[in-house]
Amino acid sequence: MDFSRVKQAMELKSQLDKIQKELAKVIVEAEKGPVKVTANGQQKVLSITIAPDALKPEKAKQLEDNVLKVVNDALEKAKKASSKEMAGMMGGMNISGLS
């Protein structure tokens, strides 16, 4: 058994756990019209806020379109923030076979 590989795998798992905890703290927001979405670096939507005046039946289609766009924008921002955070944290690791 190659203990150096086991140790390396354990260090990698520890680092990945740390990254996941840090990503949960990264908060991004996206907004369009009366819709605001907040997500974290784990690409989880934390909240959706809709201005009360947008809750009129005649504005339903526009509201649906805005919600869809803003959720996708927030998740894209979360993805970029996550990639940036992971690159920064993993940059110092020298893992053979992964670089």
PDB file of N, CA and C in Angstrom:
ATOM      1  N   MET A   1       0.840  -1.179   0.000  1.00  0.00           N
ATOM      2  CA  MET A   1       0.000   0.000   0.000  1.00  0.00           C
ATOM      3  C   MET A   1       0.888   1.247   0.000  1.00  0.00           C
ATOM      4  N   ASP A   2       0.555   2.192  -0.844  1.00  0.00           N
ATOM      5  CA  ASP A   2       1.330   3.418  -0.963  1.00  0.00           C
ATOM      6  C   ASP A   2       0.740   4.462  -0.013  1.00  0.00           C
ATOM      7  N   PHE A   3       1.378   4.579   1.165  1.00  0.00           N
ATOM      8  CA  PHE A   3       0.858   5.481   2.194  1.00  0.00           C
ATOM      9  C   PHE A   3       0.953   6.947   1.798  1.00  0.00           C
ATOM     10  N   SER A   4       1.901   7.287   0.935  1.00  0.00           N
ATOM     11  CA  SER A   4       1.999   8.680   0.507  1.00  0.00           C
ATOM     12  C   SER A   4       0.760   9.072  -0.301  1.00  0.00           C
ATOM     13  N   ARG A   5       0.234   8.145  -1.091  1.00  0.00           N
ATOM     14  CA  ARG A   5      -0.993   8.410  -1.862  1.00  0.00           C
ATOM     15  C   ARG A   5      -2.200   8.522  -0.929  1.00  0.00           C
ATOM     16  N   VAL A   6      -2.249   7.682   0.081  1.00  0.00           N
ATOM     17  CA  VAL A   6      -3.344   7.740   1.056  1.00  0.00           C
ATOM     18  C   VAL A   6      -3.304   9.082   1.783  1.00  0.00           C
ATOM     19  N   LYS A   7      -2.110   9.465   2.214  1.00  0.00           N
ATOM     20  CA  LYS A   7      -1.952  10.744   2.898  1.00  0.00           C
ATOM     21  C   LYS A   7      -2.363  11.887   1.977  1.00  0.00           C
ATOM     22  N   GLN A   8      -1.942  11.807   0.735  1.00  0.00           N
ATOM     23  CA  GLN A   8      -2.274  12.845  -0.247  1.00  0.00           C
ATOM     24  C   GLN A   8      -3.792  12.919  -0.455  1.00  0.00           C
ATOM     25  N   ALA A   9      -4.448  11.769  -0.527  1.00  0.00           N
ATOM     26  CA  ALA A   9      -5.899  11.729  -0.702  1.00  0.00           C
ATOM     27  C   ALA A   9      -6.609  12.330   0.513  1.00  0.00           C
ATOM     28  N   MET A  10      -6.107  12.040   1.695  1.00  0.00           N
ATOM     29  CA  MET A  10      -6.700  12.590   2.914  1.00  0.00           C
ATOM     30  C   MET A  10      -6.527  14.108   2.963  1.00  0.00           C
ATOM     31  N   GLU A  11      -5.367  14.592   2.547  1.00  0.00           N
ATOM     32  CA  GLU A  11      -5.128  16.032   2.507  1.00  0.00           C
ATOM     33  C   GLU A  11      -6.053  16.707   1.486  1.00  0.00           C
ATOM     34  N   LEU A  12      -6.240  16.050   0.349  1.00  0.00           N
ATOM     35  CA  LEU A  12      -7.124  16.580  -0.680  1.00  0.00           C
ATOM     36  C   LEU A  12      -8.561  16.659  -0.153  1.00  0.00           C
ATOM     37  N   LYS A  13      -9.021  15.614   0.507  1.00  0.00           N
ATOM     38  CA  LYS A  13     -10.375  15.613   1.069  1.00  0.00           C
ATOM     39  C   LYS A  13     -10.527  16.733   2.086  1.00  0.00           C
ATOM     40  N   SER A  14      -9.540  16.904   2.926  1.00  0.00           N
ATOM     41  CA  SER A  14      -9.581  17.965   3.925  1.00  0.00           C
ATOM     42  C   SER A  14      -9.650  19.333   3.247  1.00  0.00           C
ATOM     43  N   GLN A  15      -8.851  19.525   2.214  1.00  0.00           N
ATOM     44  CA  GLN A  15      -8.841  20.793   1.482  1.00  0.00           C
ATOM     45  C   GLN A  15     -10.187  21.028   0.797  1.00  0.00           C
ATOM     46  N   LEU A  16     -10.764  19.989   0.204  1.00  0.00           N
ATOM     47  CA  LEU A  16     -12.055  20.127  -0.468  1.00  0.00           C
ATOM     48  C   LEU A  16     -13.165  20.444   0.529  1.00  0.00           C
ATOM     49  N   ASP A  17     -13.111  19.846   1.708  1.00  0.00           N
ATOM     50  CA  ASP A  17     -14.089  20.157   2.757  1.00  0.00           C
ATOM     51  C   ASP A  17     -13.980  21.624   3.161  1.00  0.00           C
ATOM     52  N   LYS A  18     -12.756  22.095   3.284  1.00  0.00           N
ATOM     53  CA  LYS A  18     -12.523  23.491   3.639  1.00  0.00           C
ATOM     54  C   LYS A  18     -13.069  24.416   2.546  1.00  0.00           C
ATOM     55  N   ILE A  19     -12.834  24.060   1.297  1.00  0.00           N
ATOM     56  CA  ILE A  19     -13.317  24.862   0.170  1.00  0.00           C
ATOM     57  C   ILE A  19     -14.848  24.929   0.194  1.00  0.00           C
ATOM     58  N   GLN A  20     -15.506  23.805   0.442  1.00  0.00           N
ATOM     59  CA  GLN A  20     -16.968  23.795   0.488  1.00  0.00           C
ATOM     60  C   GLN A  20     -17.495  24.720   1.581  1.00  0.00           C
ATOM     61  N   LYS A  21     -16.846  24.728   2.732  1.00  0.00           N
ATOM     62  CA  LYS A  21     -17.261  25.619   3.819  1.00  0.00           C
ATOM     63  C   LYS A  21     -17.071  27.076   3.420  1.00  0.00           C
ATOM     64  N   GLU A  22     -15.960  27.366   2.748  1.00  0.00           N
ATOM     65  CA  GLU A  22     -15.703  28.735   2.302  1.00  0.00           C
ATOM     66  C   GLU A  22     -16.696  29.159   1.222  1.00  0.00           C
ATOM     67  N   LEU A  23     -17.031  28.244   0.316  1.00  0.00           N
ATOM     68  CA  LEU A  23     -17.965  28.566  -0.757  1.00  0.00           C
ATOM     69  C   LEU A  23     -19.360  28.883  -0.213  1.00  0.00           C
ATOM     70  N   ALA A  24     -19.718  28.256   0.896  1.00  0.00           N
ATOM     71  CA  ALA A  24     -21.018  28.549   1.505  1.00  0.00           C
ATOM     72  C   ALA A  24     -21.082  29.991   1.995  1.00  0.00           C
ATOM     73  N   LYS A  25     -19.917  30.592   2.261  1.00  0.00           N
ATOM     74  CA  LYS A  25     -19.854  31.972   2.744  1.00  0.00           C
ATOM     75  C   LYS A  25     -19.836  32.999   1.607  1.00  0.00           C
ATOM     76  N   VAL A  26     -19.535  32.566   0.393  1.00  0.00           N
ATOM     77  CA  VAL A  26     -19.487  33.472  -0.752  1.00  0.00           C
ATOM     78  C   VAL A  26     -20.926  33.764  -1.192  1.00  0.00           C
ATOM     79  N   ILE A  27     -21.303  35.028  -1.167  1.00  0.00           N
ATOM     80  CA  ILE A  27     -22.675  35.415  -1.504  1.00  0.00           C
ATOM     81  C   ILE A  27     -22.664  36.294  -2.754  1.00  0.00           C
ATOM     82  N   VAL A  28     -23.538  35.957  -3.696  1.00  0.00           N
ATOM     83  CA  VAL A  28     -23.695  36.759  -4.914  1.00  0.00           C
ATOM     84  C   VAL A  28     -25.165  37.126  -5.064  1.00  0.00           C
ATOM     85  N   GLU A  29     -25.414  38.222  -5.766  1.00  0.00           N
ATOM     86  CA  GLU A  29     -26.781  38.671  -6.020  1.00  0.00           C
ATOM     87  C   GLU A  29     -26.941  39.018  -7.488  1.00  0.00           C
ATOM     88  N   ALA A  30     -28.154  38.828  -7.969  1.00  0.00           N
ATOM     89  CA  ALA A  30     -28.512  39.248  -9.316  1.00  0.00           C
ATOM     90  C   ALA A  30     -29.885  39.892  -9.219  1.00  0.00           C
ATOM     91  N   GLU A  31     -30.097  40.903 -10.045  1.00  0.00           N
ATOM     92  CA  GLU A  31     -31.348  41.652  -9.962  1.00  0.00           C
ATOM     93  C   GLU A  31     -31.784  42.091 -11.353  1.00  0.00           C
ATOM     94  N   LYS A  32     -33.074  42.000 -11.603  1.00  0.00           N
ATOM     95  CA  LYS A  32     -33.654  42.505 -12.853  1.00  0.00           C
ATOM     96  C   LYS A  32     -35.070  42.957 -12.525  1.00  0.00           C
ATOM     97  N   GLY A  33     -35.303  44.210 -12.771  1.00  0.00           N
ATOM     98  CA  GLY A  33     -36.632  44.742 -12.467  1.00  0.00           C
ATOM     99  C   GLY A  33     -36.975  44.519 -11.003  1.00  0.00           C
ATOM    100  N   PRO A  34     -38.141  43.951 -10.749  1.00  0.00           N
ATOM    101  CA  PRO A  34     -38.593  43.779  -9.368  1.00  0.00           C
ATOM    102  C   PRO A  34     -38.099  42.487  -8.701  1.00  0.00           C
ATOM    103  N   VAL A  35     -37.200  41.758  -9.376  1.00  0.00           N
ATOM    104  CA  VAL A  35     -36.767  40.457  -8.867  1.00  0.00           C
ATOM    105  C   VAL A  35     -35.302  40.504  -8.457  1.00  0.00           C
ATOM    106  N   LYS A  36     -35.020  39.994  -7.263  1.00  0.00           N
ATOM    107  CA  LYS A  36     -33.648  39.913  -6.759  1.00  0.00           C
ATOM    108  C   LYS A  36     -33.419  38.501  -6.216  1.00  0.00           C
ATOM    109  N   VAL A  37     -32.306  37.889  -6.648  1.00  0.00           N
ATOM    110  CA  VAL A  37     -31.959  36.538  -6.214  1.00  0.00           C
ATOM    111  C   VAL A  37     -30.593  36.567  -5.540  1.00  0.00           C
ATOM    112  N   THR A  38     -30.501  35.886  -4.412  1.00  0.00           N
ATOM    113  CA  THR A  38     -29.245  35.750  -3.685  1.00  0.00           C
ATOM    114  C   THR A  38     -28.869  34.268  -3.691  1.00  0.00           C
ATOM    115  N   ALA A  39     -27.595  33.990  -4.013  1.00  0.00           N
ATOM    116  CA  ALA A  39     -27.105  32.617  -4.050  1.00  0.00           C
ATOM    117  C   ALA A  39     -25.743  32.579  -3.367  1.00  0.00           C
ATOM    118  N   ASN A  40     -25.269  31.367  -3.087  1.00  0.00           N
ATOM    119  CA  ASN A  40     -23.928  31.249  -2.506  1.00  0.00           C
ATOM    120  C   ASN A  40     -22.988  30.559  -3.483  1.00  0.00           C
ATOM    121  N   GLY A  41     -21.733  30.457  -3.087  1.00  0.00           N
ATOM    122  CA  GLY A  41     -20.718  29.859  -3.938  1.00  0.00           C
ATOM    123  C   GLY A  41     -20.899  28.372  -4.189  1.00  0.00           C
ATOM    124  N   GLN A  42     -21.815  27.761  -3.443  1.00  0.00           N
ATOM    125  CA  GLN A  42     -22.142  26.358  -3.685  1.00  0.00           C
ATOM    126  C   GLN A  42     -23.266  26.238  -4.714  1.00  0.00           C
ATOM    127  N   GLN A  43     -23.600  27.371  -5.319  1.00  0.00           N
ATOM    128  CA  GLN A  43     -24.628  27.460  -6.351  1.00  0.00           C
ATOM    129  C   GLN A  43     -26.004  27.062  -5.819  1.00  0.00           C
ATOM    130  N   LYS A  44     -26.262  27.455  -4.577  1.00  0.00           N
ATOM    131  CA  LYS A  44     -27.574  27.249  -3.968  1.00  0.00           C
ATOM    132  C   LYS A  44     -28.271  28.597  -3.871  1.00  0.00           C
ATOM    133  N   VAL A  45     -29.512  28.647  -4.329  1.00  0.00           N
ATOM    134  CA  VAL A  45     -30.293  29.867  -4.222  1.00  0.00           C
ATOM    135  C   VAL A  45     -30.703  30.017  -2.758  1.00  0.00           C
ATOM    136  N   LEU A  46     -30.355  31.167  -2.181  1.00  0.00           N
ATOM    137  CA  LEU A  46     -30.657  31.421  -0.772  1.00  0.00           C
ATOM    138  C   LEU A  46     -31.962  32.179  -0.601  1.00  0.00           C
ATOM    139  N   SER A  47     -32.248  33.084  -1.530  1.00  0.00           N
ATOM    140  CA  SER A  47     -33.494  33.836  -1.425  1.00  0.00           C
ATOM    141  C   SER A  47     -33.893  34.412  -2.773  1.00  0.00           C
ATOM    142  N   ILE A  48     -35.197  34.625  -2.910  1.00  0.00           N
ATOM    143  CA  ILE A  48     -35.770  35.315  -4.067  1.00  0.00           C
ATOM    144  C   ILE A  48     -36.703  36.378  -3.499  1.00  0.00           C
ATOM    145  N   THR A  49     -36.453  37.620  -3.883  1.00  0.00           N
ATOM    146  CA  THR A  49     -37.282  38.725  -3.419  1.00  0.00           C
ATOM    147  C   THR A  49     -37.989  39.339  -4.619  1.00  0.00           C
ATOM    148  N   ILE A  50     -39.299  39.540  -4.479  1.00  0.00           N
ATOM    149  CA  ILE A  50     -40.094  40.122  -5.554  1.00  0.00           C
ATOM    150  C   ILE A  50     -40.835  41.331  -4.987  1.00  0.00           C
ATOM    151  N   ALA A  51     -40.677  42.459  -5.662  1.00  0.00           N
ATOM    152  CA  ALA A  51     -41.376  43.674  -5.231  1.00  0.00           C
ATOM    153  C   ALA A  51     -42.882  43.452  -5.311  1.00  0.00           C
ATOM    154  N   PRO A  52     -43.630  43.890  -4.314  1.00  0.00           N
ATOM    155  CA  PRO A  52     -45.080  43.658  -4.283  1.00  0.00           C
ATOM    156  C   PRO A  52     -45.833  44.150  -5.515  1.00  0.00           C
ATOM    157  N   ASP A  53     -45.403  45.250  -6.117  1.00  0.00           N
ATOM    158  CA  ASP A  53     -46.140  45.767  -7.279  1.00  0.00           C
ATOM    159  C   ASP A  53     -46.001  44.870  -8.505  1.00  0.00           C
ATOM    160  N   ALA A  54     -45.088  43.912  -8.466  1.00  0.00           N
ATOM    161  CA  ALA A  54     -44.917  42.984  -9.593  1.00  0.00           C
ATOM    162  C   ALA A  54     -45.870  41.797  -9.492  1.00  0.00           C
ATOM    163  N   LEU A  55     -46.603  41.712  -8.414  1.00  0.00           N
ATOM    164  CA  LEU A  55     -47.481  40.569  -8.182  1.00  0.00           C
ATOM    165  C   LEU A  55     -48.903  40.805  -8.697  1.00  0.00           C
ATOM    166  N   LYS A  56     -48.993  41.411  -9.835  1.00  0.00           N
ATOM    167  CA  LYS A  56     -50.282  41.671 -10.465  1.00  0.00           C
ATOM    168  C   LYS A  56     -50.484  40.669 -11.593  1.00  0.00           C
ATOM    169  N   PRO A  57     -51.685  40.124 -11.721  1.00  0.00           N
ATOM    170  CA  PRO A  57     -51.935  39.107 -12.756  1.00  0.00           C
ATOM    171  C   PRO A  57     -51.502  39.525 -14.149  1.00  0.00           C
ATOM    172  N   GLU A  58     -51.680  40.788 -14.491  1.00  0.00           N
ATOM    173  CA  GLU A  58     -51.323  41.234 -15.842  1.00  0.00           C
ATOM    174  C   GLU A  58     -49.813  41.286 -16.062  1.00  0.00           C
ATOM    175  N   LYS A  59     -49.030  41.157 -14.966  1.00  0.00           N
ATOM    176  CA  LYS A  59     -47.569  41.175 -15.067  1.00  0.00           C
ATOM    177  C   LYS A  59     -46.966  39.780 -14.877  1.00  0.00           C
ATOM    178  N   ALA A  60     -47.784  38.755 -14.849  1.00  0.00           N
ATOM    179  CA  ALA A  60     -47.320  37.401 -14.539  1.00  0.00           C
ATOM    180  C   ALA A  60     -46.235  36.909 -15.496  1.00  0.00           C
ATOM    181  N   LYS A  61     -46.447  37.046 -16.786  1.00  0.00           N
ATOM    182  CA  LYS A  61     -45.475  36.544 -17.772  1.00  0.00           C
ATOM    183  C   LYS A  61     -44.145  37.276 -17.634  1.00  0.00           C
ATOM    184  N   GLN A  62     -44.182  38.585 -17.482  1.00  0.00           N
ATOM    185  CA  GLN A  62     -42.963  39.364 -17.319  1.00  0.00           C
ATOM    186  C   GLN A  62     -42.240  38.961 -16.032  1.00  0.00           C
ATOM    187  N   LEU A  63     -43.011  38.736 -14.974  1.00  0.00           N
ATOM    188  CA  LEU A  63     -42.429  38.327 -13.698  1.00  0.00           C
ATOM    189  C   LEU A  63     -41.760  36.953 -13.830  1.00  0.00           C
ATOM    190  N   GLU A  64     -42.426  36.025 -14.488  1.00  0.00           N
ATOM    191  CA  GLU A  64     -41.844  34.691 -14.708  1.00  0.00           C
ATOM    192  C   GLU A  64     -40.537  34.793 -15.483  1.00  0.00           C
ATOM    193  N   ASP A  65     -40.529  35.597 -16.527  1.00  0.00           N
ATOM    194  CA  ASP A  65     -39.314  35.781 -17.326  1.00  0.00           C
ATOM    195  C   ASP A  65     -38.187  36.382 -16.493  1.00  0.00           C
ATOM    196  N   ASN A  66     -38.528  37.387 -15.686  1.00  0.00           N
ATOM    197  CA  ASN A  66     -37.519  38.021 -14.829  1.00  0.00           C
ATOM    198  C   ASN A  66     -36.957  37.043 -13.804  1.00  0.00           C
ATOM    199  N   VAL A  67     -37.828  36.255 -13.177  1.00  0.00           N
ATOM    200  CA  VAL A  67     -37.367  35.285 -12.177  1.00  0.00           C
ATOM    201  C   VAL A  67     -36.407  34.295 -12.817  1.00  0.00           C
ATOM    202  N   LEU A  68     -36.772  33.769 -13.966  1.00  0.00           N
ATOM    203  CA  LEU A  68     -35.913  32.808 -14.652  1.00  0.00           C
ATOM    204  C   LEU A  68     -34.553  33.424 -14.989  1.00  0.00           C
ATOM    205  N   LYS A  69     -34.565  34.626 -15.547  1.00  0.00           N
ATOM    206  CA  LYS A  69     -33.313  35.279 -15.921  1.00  0.00           C
ATOM    207  C   LYS A  69     -32.449  35.563 -14.697  1.00  0.00           C
ATOM    208  N   VAL A  70     -33.049  36.074 -13.644  1.00  0.00           N
ATOM    209  CA  VAL A  70     -32.275  36.447 -12.468  1.00  0.00           C
ATOM    210  C   VAL A  70     -31.724  35.223 -11.745  1.00  0.00           C
ATOM    211  N   VAL A  71     -32.485  34.151 -11.679  1.00  0.00           N
ATOM    212  CA  VAL A  71     -31.968  32.918 -11.063  1.00  0.00           C
ATOM    213  C   VAL A  71     -30.762  32.418 -11.854  1.00  0.00           C
ATOM    214  N   ASN A  72     -30.889  32.395 -13.164  1.00  0.00           N
ATOM    215  CA  ASN A  72     -29.757  31.946 -13.984  1.00  0.00           C
ATOM    216  C   ASN A  72     -28.556  32.873 -13.845  1.00  0.00           C
ATOM    217  N   ASP A  73     -28.790  34.183 -13.786  1.00  0.00           N
ATOM    218  CA  ASP A  73     -27.688  35.134 -13.592  1.00  0.00           C
ATOM    219  C   ASP A  73     -26.999  34.895 -12.249  1.00  0.00           C
ATOM    220  N   ALA A  74     -27.790  34.709 -11.199  1.00  0.00           N
ATOM    221  CA  ALA A  74     -27.216  34.484  -9.870  1.00  0.00           C
ATOM    222  C   ALA A  74     -26.404  33.196  -9.837  1.00  0.00           C
ATOM    223  N   LEU A  75     -26.908  32.145 -10.454  1.00  0.00           N
ATOM    224  CA  LEU A  75     -26.169  30.878 -10.464  1.00  0.00           C
ATOM    225  C   LEU A  75     -24.891  30.981 -11.290  1.00  0.00           C
ATOM    226  N   GLU A  76     -24.921  31.758 -12.360  1.00  0.00           N
ATOM    227  CA  GLU A  76     -23.712  31.971 -13.160  1.00  0.00           C
ATOM    228  C   GLU A  76     -22.675  32.751 -12.347  1.00  0.00           C
ATOM    229  N   LYS A  77     -23.119  33.770 -11.623  1.00  0.00           N
ATOM    230  CA  LYS A  77     -22.208  34.513 -10.752  1.00  0.00           C
ATOM    231  C   LYS A  77     -21.637  33.601  -9.672  1.00  0.00           C
ATOM    232  N   ALA A  78     -22.476  32.731  -9.110  1.00  0.00           N
ATOM    233  CA  ALA A  78     -22.022  31.801  -8.078  1.00  0.00           C
ATOM    234  C   ALA A  78     -20.987  30.835  -8.648  1.00  0.00           C
ATOM    235  N   LYS A  79     -21.223  30.387  -9.874  1.00  0.00           N
ATOM    236  CA  LYS A  79     -20.284  29.476 -10.525  1.00  0.00           C
ATOM    237  C   LYS A  79     -18.927  30.144 -10.727  1.00  0.00           C
ATOM    238  N   LYS A  80     -18.941  31.397 -11.183  1.00  0.00           N
ATOM    239  CA  LYS A  80     -17.691  32.128 -11.396  1.00  0.00           C
ATOM    240  C   LYS A  80     -16.977  32.380 -10.077  1.00  0.00           C
ATOM    241  N   ALA A  81     -17.736  32.759  -9.049  1.00  0.00           N
ATOM    242  CA  ALA A  81     -17.137  33.003  -7.734  1.00  0.00           C
ATOM    243  C   ALA A  81     -16.551  31.720  -7.171  1.00  0.00           C
ATOM    244  N   SER A  82     -17.246  30.618  -7.381  1.00  0.00           N
ATOM    245  CA  SER A  82     -16.779  29.311  -6.919  1.00  0.00           C
ATOM    246  C   SER A  82     -15.480  28.921  -7.622  1.00  0.00           C
ATOM    247  N   SER A  83     -15.431  29.107  -8.929  1.00  0.00           N
ATOM    248  CA  SER A  83     -14.219  28.771  -9.686  1.00  0.00           C
ATOM    249  C   SER A  83     -13.039  29.612  -9.226  1.00  0.00           C
ATOM    250  N   LYS A  84     -13.292  30.896  -9.003  1.00  0.00           N
ATOM    251  CA  LYS A  84     -12.236  31.801  -8.550  1.00  0.00           C
ATOM    252  C   LYS A  84     -11.733  31.387  -7.162  1.00  0.00           C
ATOM    253  N   GLU A  85     -12.663  31.096  -6.270  1.00  0.00           N
ATOM    254  CA  GLU A  85     -12.308  30.692  -4.902  1.00  0.00           C
ATOM    255  C   GLU A  85     -11.515  29.382  -4.914  1.00  0.00           C
ATOM    256  N   MET A  86     -11.970  28.422  -5.695  1.00  0.00           N
ATOM    257  CA  MET A  86     -11.288  27.128  -5.750  1.00  0.00           C
ATOM    258  C   MET A  86      -9.907  27.260  -6.372  1.00  0.00           C
ATOM    259  N   ALA A  87      -9.780  28.073  -7.405  1.00  0.00           N
ATOM    260  CA  ALA A  87      -8.475  28.263  -8.044  1.00  0.00           C
ATOM    261  C   ALA A  87      -7.493  28.862  -7.047  1.00  0.00           C
ATOM    262  N   GLY A  88      -7.966  29.818  -6.276  1.00  0.00           N
ATOM    263  CA  GLY A  88      -7.101  30.443  -5.278  1.00  0.00           C
ATOM    264  C   GLY A  88      -6.683  29.473  -4.181  1.00  0.00           C
ATOM    265  N   MET A  89      -7.605  28.655  -3.742  1.00  0.00           N
ATOM    266  CA  MET A  89      -7.298  27.737  -2.643  1.00  0.00           C
ATOM    267  C   MET A  89      -6.502  26.519  -3.110  1.00  0.00           C
ATOM    268  N   MET A  90      -6.765  26.074  -4.334  1.00  0.00           N
ATOM    269  CA  MET A  90      -6.095  24.873  -4.840  1.00  0.00           C
ATOM    270  C   MET A  90      -4.765  25.209  -5.515  1.00  0.00           C
ATOM    271  N   GLY A  91      -4.537  26.491  -5.766  1.00  0.00           N
ATOM    272  CA  GLY A  91      -3.341  26.906  -6.480  1.00  0.00           C
ATOM    273  C   GLY A  91      -2.054  26.442  -5.836  1.00  0.00           C
ATOM    274  N   GLY A  92      -2.019  26.414  -4.541  1.00  0.00           N
ATOM    275  CA  GLY A  92      -0.794  26.030  -3.836  1.00  0.00           C
ATOM    276  C   GLY A  92      -0.608  24.534  -3.671  1.00  0.00           C
ATOM    277  N   MET A  93      -1.602  23.766  -4.065  1.00  0.00           N
ATOM    278  CA  MET A  93      -1.504  22.314  -3.885  1.00  0.00           C
ATOM    279  C   MET A  93      -0.824  21.685  -5.086  1.00  0.00           C
ATOM    280  N   ASN A  94       0.093  20.808  -4.830  1.00  0.00           N
ATOM    281  CA  ASN A  94       0.777  20.084  -5.895  1.00  0.00           C
ATOM    282  C   ASN A  94       0.328  18.638  -5.831  1.00  0.00           C
ATOM    283  N   ILE A  95      -0.659  18.300  -6.636  1.00  0.00           N
ATOM    284  CA  ILE A  95      -1.231  16.956  -6.614  1.00  0.00           C
ATOM    285  C   ILE A  95      -0.865  16.273  -7.918  1.00  0.00           C
ATOM    286  N   SER A  96      -0.005  15.299  -7.832  1.00  0.00           N
ATOM    287  CA  SER A  96       0.418  14.612  -9.049  1.00  0.00           C
ATOM    288  C   SER A  96      -0.768  13.902  -9.674  1.00  0.00           C
ATOM    289  N   GLY A  97      -0.836  13.960 -10.975  1.00  0.00           N
ATOM    290  CA  GLY A  97      -1.913  13.310 -11.693  1.00  0.00           C
ATOM    291  C   GLY A  97      -3.131  14.193 -11.896  1.00  0.00           C
ATOM    292  N   LEU A  98      -3.229  15.324 -11.171  1.00  0.00           N
ATOM    293  CA  LEU A  98      -4.368  16.227 -11.325  1.00  0.00           C
ATOM    294  C   LEU A  98      -4.005  17.515 -12.019  1.00  0.00           C
ATOM    295  N   SER A  99      -2.715  17.756 -12.199  1.00  0.00           N
ATOM    296  CA  SER A  99      -2.334  19.022 -12.832  1.00  0.00           C
ATOM    297  C   SER A  99      -1.862  18.807 -14.244  1.00  0.00           C
TER     298      SER A  99
END
